[in-house]
Amino acid sequence: MATAKGEFYFDLHAGKIRIDNQEFDIPVHVGDGVPEVLIGRQLLKNRRLVVDISAGVLTLEAN
């Protein structure tokens, strides 16, 4: 997969999340040399994630 830091190979794991009492199966991408874990990348294809740490706000909106 292409990332901002270059091309990397990722292992794909299954994950589950619960949002507003709805449970979703999500893919979790993990790669050597990439310190960040990409959780739910496919879930974000049709939703908008907004994170404002200083305001303590996290929203996931349907597009």
PDB file of N, CA and C in Angstrom:
ATOM      1  N   MET A   1       0.839  -1.168   0.000  1.00  0.00           N
ATOM      2  CA  MET A   1       0.000   0.000   0.000  1.00  0.00           C
ATOM      3  C   MET A   1       0.890   1.239   0.000  1.00  0.00           C
ATOM      4  N   ALA A   2       0.501   2.233  -0.761  1.00  0.00           N
ATOM      5  CA  ALA A   2       1.235   3.494  -0.781  1.00  0.00           C
ATOM      6  C   ALA A   2       0.831   4.331   0.424  1.00  0.00           C
ATOM      7  N   THR A   3       1.821   4.858   1.139  1.00  0.00           N
ATOM      8  CA  THR A   3       1.575   5.746   2.268  1.00  0.00           C
ATOM      9  C   THR A   3       2.366   7.028   2.044  1.00  0.00           C
ATOM     10  N   ALA A   4       2.192   7.994   2.925  1.00  0.00           N
ATOM     11  CA  ALA A   4       2.950   9.248   2.827  1.00  0.00           C
ATOM     12  C   ALA A   4       4.445   9.001   3.020  1.00  0.00           C
ATOM     13  N   LYS A   5       4.803   7.879   3.656  1.00  0.00           N
ATOM     14  CA  LYS A   5       6.208   7.548   3.910  1.00  0.00           C
ATOM     15  C   LYS A   5       6.775   6.570   2.892  1.00  0.00           C
ATOM     16  N   GLY A   6       6.000   6.232   1.856  1.00  0.00           N
ATOM     17  CA  GLY A   6       6.457   5.306   0.831  1.00  0.00           C
ATOM     18  C   GLY A   6       5.580   4.075   0.747  1.00  0.00           C
ATOM     19  N   GLU A   7       6.075   3.078  -0.002  1.00  0.00           N
ATOM     20  CA  GLU A   7       5.339   1.825  -0.178  1.00  0.00           C
ATOM     21  C   GLU A   7       5.642   0.875   0.979  1.00  0.00           C
ATOM     22  N   PHE A   8       4.598   0.233   1.526  1.00  0.00           N
ATOM     23  CA  PHE A   8       4.770  -0.722   2.611  1.00  0.00           C
ATOM     24  C   PHE A   8       3.844  -1.910   2.391  1.00  0.00           C
ATOM     25  N   TYR A   9       4.252  -3.051   2.910  1.00  0.00           N
ATOM     26  CA  TYR A   9       3.402  -4.233   2.940  1.00  0.00           C
ATOM     27  C   TYR A   9       2.754  -4.292   4.314  1.00  0.00           C
ATOM     28  N   PHE A  10       1.471  -4.612   4.344  1.00  0.00           N
ATOM     29  CA  PHE A  10       0.725  -4.652   5.595  1.00  0.00           C
ATOM     30  C   PHE A  10       0.148  -6.040   5.828  1.00  0.00           C
ATOM     31  N   ASP A  11       0.104  -6.443   7.094  1.00  0.00           N
ATOM     32  CA  ASP A  11      -0.677  -7.604   7.504  1.00  0.00           C
ATOM     33  C   ASP A  11      -2.089  -7.099   7.764  1.00  0.00           C
ATOM     34  N   LEU A  12      -3.070  -7.905   7.443  1.00  0.00           N
ATOM     35  CA  LEU A  12      -4.459  -7.518   7.620  1.00  0.00           C
ATOM     36  C   LEU A  12      -5.079  -8.384   8.711  1.00  0.00           C
ATOM     37  N   HIS A  13      -5.662  -7.739   9.711  1.00  0.00           N
ATOM     38  CA  HIS A  13      -6.302  -8.433  10.833  1.00  0.00           C
ATOM     39  C   HIS A  13      -7.764  -8.019  10.890  1.00  0.00           C
ATOM     40  N   ALA A  14      -8.587  -8.850  11.505  1.00  0.00           N
ATOM     41  CA  ALA A  14     -10.003  -8.531  11.683  1.00  0.00           C
ATOM     42  C   ALA A  14     -10.184  -7.802  13.005  1.00  0.00           C
ATOM     43  N   GLY A  15     -11.054  -6.816  13.006  1.00  0.00           N
ATOM     44  CA  GLY A  15     -11.369  -6.085  14.225  1.00  0.00           C
ATOM     45  C   GLY A  15     -12.855  -5.814  14.289  1.00  0.00           C
ATOM     46  N   LYS A  16     -13.323  -5.465  15.457  1.00  0.00           N
ATOM     47  CA  LYS A  16     -14.733  -5.105  15.643  1.00  0.00           C
ATOM     48  C   LYS A  16     -14.779  -3.801  16.420  1.00  0.00           C
ATOM     49  N   ILE A  17     -15.688  -2.921  16.014  1.00  0.00           N
ATOM     50  CA  ILE A  17     -15.932  -1.699  16.770  1.00  0.00           C
ATOM     51  C   ILE A  17     -17.437  -1.544  16.970  1.00  0.00           C
ATOM     52  N   ARG A  18     -17.792  -0.792  17.973  1.00  0.00           N
ATOM     53  CA  ARG A  18     -19.198  -0.514  18.241  1.00  0.00           C
ATOM     54  C   ARG A  18     -19.382   0.996  18.262  1.00  0.00           C
ATOM     55  N   ILE A  19     -20.280   1.493  17.418  1.00  0.00           N
ATOM     56  CA  ILE A  19     -20.593   2.914  17.337  1.00  0.00           C
ATOM     57  C   ILE A  19     -22.101   3.056  17.457  1.00  0.00           C
ATOM     58  N   ASP A  20     -22.551   3.816  18.437  1.00  0.00           N
ATOM     59  CA  ASP A  20     -23.991   4.021  18.655  1.00  0.00           C
ATOM     60  C   ASP A  20     -24.754   2.699  18.687  1.00  0.00           C
ATOM     61  N   ASN A  21     -24.220   1.742  19.423  1.00  0.00           N
ATOM     62  CA  ASN A  21     -24.829   0.417  19.585  1.00  0.00           C
ATOM     63  C   ASN A  21     -24.912  -0.388  18.299  1.00  0.00           C
ATOM     64  N   GLN A  22     -24.182   0.001  17.264  1.00  0.00           N
ATOM     65  CA  GLN A  22     -24.065  -0.804  16.047  1.00  0.00           C
ATOM     66  C   GLN A  22     -22.665  -1.383  16.008  1.00  0.00           C
ATOM     67  N   GLU A  23     -22.547  -2.680  15.737  1.00  0.00           N
ATOM     68  CA  GLU A  23     -21.247  -3.330  15.668  1.00  0.00           C
ATOM     69  C   GLU A  23     -20.818  -3.470  14.211  1.00  0.00           C
ATOM     70  N   PHE A  24     -19.547  -3.127  13.947  1.00  0.00           N
ATOM     71  CA  PHE A  24     -18.992  -3.195  12.598  1.00  0.00           C
ATOM     72  C   PHE A  24     -17.760  -4.085  12.605  1.00  0.00           C
ATOM     73  N   ASP A  25     -17.605  -4.910  11.575  1.00  0.00           N
ATOM     74  CA  ASP A  25     -16.348  -5.627  11.349  1.00  0.00           C
ATOM     75  C   ASP A  25     -15.465  -4.699  10.526  1.00  0.00           C
ATOM     76  N   ILE A  26     -14.224  -4.515  10.953  1.00  0.00           N
ATOM     77  CA  ILE A  26     -13.324  -3.610  10.245  1.00  0.00           C
ATOM     78  C   ILE A  26     -11.979  -4.272  10.034  1.00  0.00           C
ATOM     79  N   PRO A  27     -11.306  -3.940   8.937  1.00  0.00           N
ATOM     80  CA  PRO A  27      -9.940  -4.426   8.739  1.00  0.00           C
ATOM     81  C   PRO A  27      -8.962  -3.551   9.518  1.00  0.00           C
ATOM     82  N   VAL A  28      -7.922  -4.161  10.054  1.00  0.00           N
ATOM     83  CA  VAL A  28      -6.856  -3.445  10.758  1.00  0.00           C
ATOM     84  C   VAL A  28      -5.562  -3.742  10.017  1.00  0.00           C
ATOM     85  N   HIS A  29      -4.919  -2.711   9.467  1.00  0.00           N
ATOM     86  CA  HIS A  29      -3.675  -2.855   8.707  1.00  0.00           C
ATOM     87  C   HIS A  29      -2.487  -2.590   9.621  1.00  0.00           C
ATOM     88  N   VAL A  30      -1.525  -3.515   9.652  1.00  0.00           N
ATOM     89  CA  VAL A  30      -0.323  -3.376  10.471  1.00  0.00           C
ATOM     90  C   VAL A  30       0.876  -3.697   9.592  1.00  0.00           C
ATOM     91  N   GLY A  31       1.921  -2.845   9.649  1.00  0.00           N
ATOM     92  CA  GLY A  31       3.098  -3.067   8.813  1.00  0.00           C
ATOM     93  C   GLY A  31       4.393  -2.825   9.559  1.00  0.00           C
ATOM     94  N   ASP A  32       5.435  -3.598   9.224  1.00  0.00           N
ATOM     95  CA  ASP A  32       6.757  -3.381   9.792  1.00  0.00           C
ATOM     96  C   ASP A  32       7.289  -2.031   9.327  1.00  0.00           C
ATOM     97  N   GLY A  33       7.881  -1.290  10.225  1.00  0.00           N
ATOM     98  CA  GLY A  33       8.463  -0.004   9.874  1.00  0.00           C
ATOM     99  C   GLY A  33       7.463   1.131   9.828  1.00  0.00           C
ATOM    100  N   VAL A  34       6.196   0.829  10.057  1.00  0.00           N
ATOM    101  CA  VAL A  34       5.158   1.862  10.095  1.00  0.00           C
ATOM    102  C   VAL A  34       4.609   1.881  11.520  1.00  0.00           C
ATOM    103  N   PRO A  35       4.921   2.923  12.294  1.00  0.00           N
ATOM    104  CA  PRO A  35       4.512   2.920  13.704  1.00  0.00           C
ATOM    105  C   PRO A  35       3.006   3.068  13.910  1.00  0.00           C
ATOM    106  N   GLU A  36       2.295   3.620  12.939  1.00  0.00           N
ATOM    107  CA  GLU A  36       0.862   3.803  13.086  1.00  0.00           C
ATOM    108  C   GLU A  36       0.120   2.548  12.632  1.00  0.00           C
ATOM    109  N   VAL A  37      -0.984   2.275  13.270  1.00  0.00           N
ATOM    110  CA  VAL A  37      -1.866   1.185  12.872  1.00  0.00           C
ATOM    111  C   VAL A  37      -3.055   1.823  12.169  1.00  0.00           C
ATOM    112  N   LEU A  38      -3.389   1.363  10.971  1.00  0.00           N
ATOM    113  CA  LEU A  38      -4.519   1.905  10.228  1.00  0.00           C
ATOM    114  C   LEU A  38      -5.754   1.074  10.538  1.00  0.00           C
ATOM    115  N   ILE A  39      -6.603   1.597  11.392  1.00  0.00           N
ATOM    116  CA  ILE A  39      -7.785   0.867  11.835  1.00  0.00           C
ATOM    117  C   ILE A  39      -9.000   1.347  11.054  1.00  0.00           C
ATOM    118  N   GLY A  40      -9.692   0.420  10.438  1.00  0.00           N
ATOM    119  CA  GLY A  40     -10.944   0.741   9.787  1.00  0.00           C
ATOM    120  C   GLY A  40     -10.815   1.601   8.549  1.00  0.00           C
ATOM    121  N   ARG A  41      -9.752   1.452   7.819  1.00  0.00           N
ATOM    122  CA  ARG A  41      -9.545   2.259   6.616  1.00  0.00           C
ATOM    123  C   ARG A  41     -10.729   2.141   5.656  1.00  0.00           C
ATOM    124  N   GLN A  42     -11.248   0.942   5.465  1.00  0.00           N
ATOM    125  CA  GLN A  42     -12.397   0.747   4.570  1.00  0.00           C
ATOM    126  C   GLN A  42     -13.643   1.438   5.114  1.00  0.00           C
ATOM    127  N   LEU A  43     -13.792   1.464   6.433  1.00  0.00           N
ATOM    128  CA  LEU A  43     -14.944   2.113   7.053  1.00  0.00           C
ATOM    129  C   LEU A  43     -14.970   3.602   6.732  1.00  0.00           C
ATOM    130  N   LEU A  44     -13.794   4.206   6.565  1.00  0.00           N
ATOM    131  CA  LEU A  44     -13.711   5.645   6.315  1.00  0.00           C
ATOM    132  C   LEU A  44     -13.954   6.022   4.857  1.00  0.00           C
ATOM    133  N   LYS A  45     -14.132   5.037   3.981  1.00  0.00           N
ATOM    134  CA  LYS A  45     -14.408   5.344   2.575  1.00  0.00           C
ATOM    135  C   LYS A  45     -15.771   5.998   2.391  1.00  0.00           C
ATOM    136  N   ASN A  46     -16.721   5.725   3.281  1.00  0.00           N
ATOM    137  CA  ASN A  46     -18.040   6.333   3.137  1.00  0.00           C
ATOM    138  C   ASN A  46     -18.481   7.074   4.402  1.00  0.00           C
ATOM    139  N   ARG A  47     -17.501   7.439   5.233  1.00  0.00           N
ATOM    140  CA  ARG A  47     -17.789   8.218   6.437  1.00  0.00           C
ATOM    141  C   ARG A  47     -16.702   9.263   6.617  1.00  0.00           C
ATOM    142  N   ARG A  48     -17.022  10.321   7.343  1.00  0.00           N
ATOM    143  CA  ARG A  48     -16.071  11.396   7.611  1.00  0.00           C
ATOM    144  C   ARG A  48     -15.677  11.335   9.082  1.00  0.00           C
ATOM    145  N   LEU A  49     -14.383  11.193   9.355  1.00  0.00           N
ATOM    146  CA  LEU A  49     -13.853  11.154  10.708  1.00  0.00           C
ATOM    147  C   LEU A  49     -13.262  12.511  11.036  1.00  0.00           C
ATOM    148  N   VAL A  50     -13.729  13.103  12.141  1.00  0.00           N
ATOM    149  CA  VAL A  50     -13.216  14.391  12.597  1.00  0.00           C
ATOM    150  C   VAL A  50     -12.649  14.210  13.992  1.00  0.00           C
ATOM    151  N   VAL A  51     -11.373  14.564  14.163  1.00  0.00           N
ATOM    152  CA  VAL A  51     -10.709  14.457  15.454  1.00  0.00           C
ATOM    153  C   VAL A  51     -10.158  15.821  15.826  1.00  0.00           C
ATOM    154  N   ASP A  52     -10.595  16.345  16.965  1.00  0.00           N
ATOM    155  CA  ASP A  52     -10.080  17.601  17.501  1.00  0.00           C
ATOM    156  C   ASP A  52      -9.676  17.320  18.943  1.00  0.00           C
ATOM    157  N   ILE A  53      -8.424  16.933  19.132  1.00  0.00           N
ATOM    158  CA  ILE A  53      -7.950  16.505  20.449  1.00  0.00           C
ATOM    159  C   ILE A  53      -8.047  17.638  21.458  1.00  0.00           C
ATOM    160  N   SER A  54      -7.686  18.852  21.067  1.00  0.00           N
ATOM    161  CA  SER A  54      -7.702  19.973  22.028  1.00  0.00           C
ATOM    162  C   SER A  54      -9.115  20.263  22.528  1.00  0.00           C
ATOM    163  N   ALA A  55     -10.133  20.023  21.702  1.00  0.00           N
ATOM    164  CA  ALA A  55     -11.525  20.251  22.117  1.00  0.00           C
ATOM    165  C   ALA A  55     -12.151  18.989  22.693  1.00  0.00           C
ATOM    166  N   GLY A  56     -11.460  17.850  22.614  1.00  0.00           N
ATOM    167  CA  GLY A  56     -12.010  16.596  23.117  1.00  0.00           C
ATOM    168  C   GLY A  56     -13.157  16.082  22.250  1.00  0.00           C
ATOM    169  N   VAL A  57     -13.071  16.309  20.930  1.00  0.00           N
ATOM    170  CA  VAL A  57     -14.150  15.937  20.021  1.00  0.00           C
ATOM    171  C   VAL A  57     -13.687  14.839  19.073  1.00  0.00           C
ATOM    172  N   LEU A  58     -14.520  13.812  18.923  1.00  0.00           N
ATOM    173  CA  LEU A  58     -14.313  12.744  17.952  1.00  0.00           C
ATOM    174  C   LEU A  58     -15.676  12.431  17.361  1.00  0.00           C
ATOM    175  N   THR A  59     -15.814  12.639  16.049  1.00  0.00           N
ATOM    176  CA  THR A  59     -17.090  12.337  15.395  1.00  0.00           C
ATOM    177  C   THR A  59     -16.846  11.473  14.164  1.00  0.00           C
ATOM    178  N   LEU A  60     -17.815  10.612  13.880  1.00  0.00           N
ATOM    179  CA  LEU A  60     -17.797   9.786  12.678  1.00  0.00           C
ATOM    180  C   LEU A  60     -19.136  10.005  11.993  1.00  0.00           C
ATOM    181  N   GLU A  61     -19.108  10.696  10.860  1.00  0.00           N
ATOM    182  CA  GLU A  61     -20.332  11.097  10.181  1.00  0.00           C
ATOM    183  C   GLU A  61     -20.527  10.304   8.902  1.00  0.00           C
ATOM    184  N   ALA A  62     -21.778   9.963   8.594  1.00  0.00           N
ATOM    185  CA  ALA A  62     -22.101   9.326   7.314  1.00  0.00           C
ATOM    186  C   ALA A  62     -22.053  10.377   6.232  1.00  0.00           C
ATOM    187  N   ASN A  63     -21.483  10.030   5.077  1.00  0.00           N
ATOM    188  CA  ASN A  63     -21.431  10.973   3.941  1.00  0.00           C
ATOM    189  C   ASN A  63     -22.718  10.965   3.177  1.00  0.00           C
TER     190      ASN A  63
END
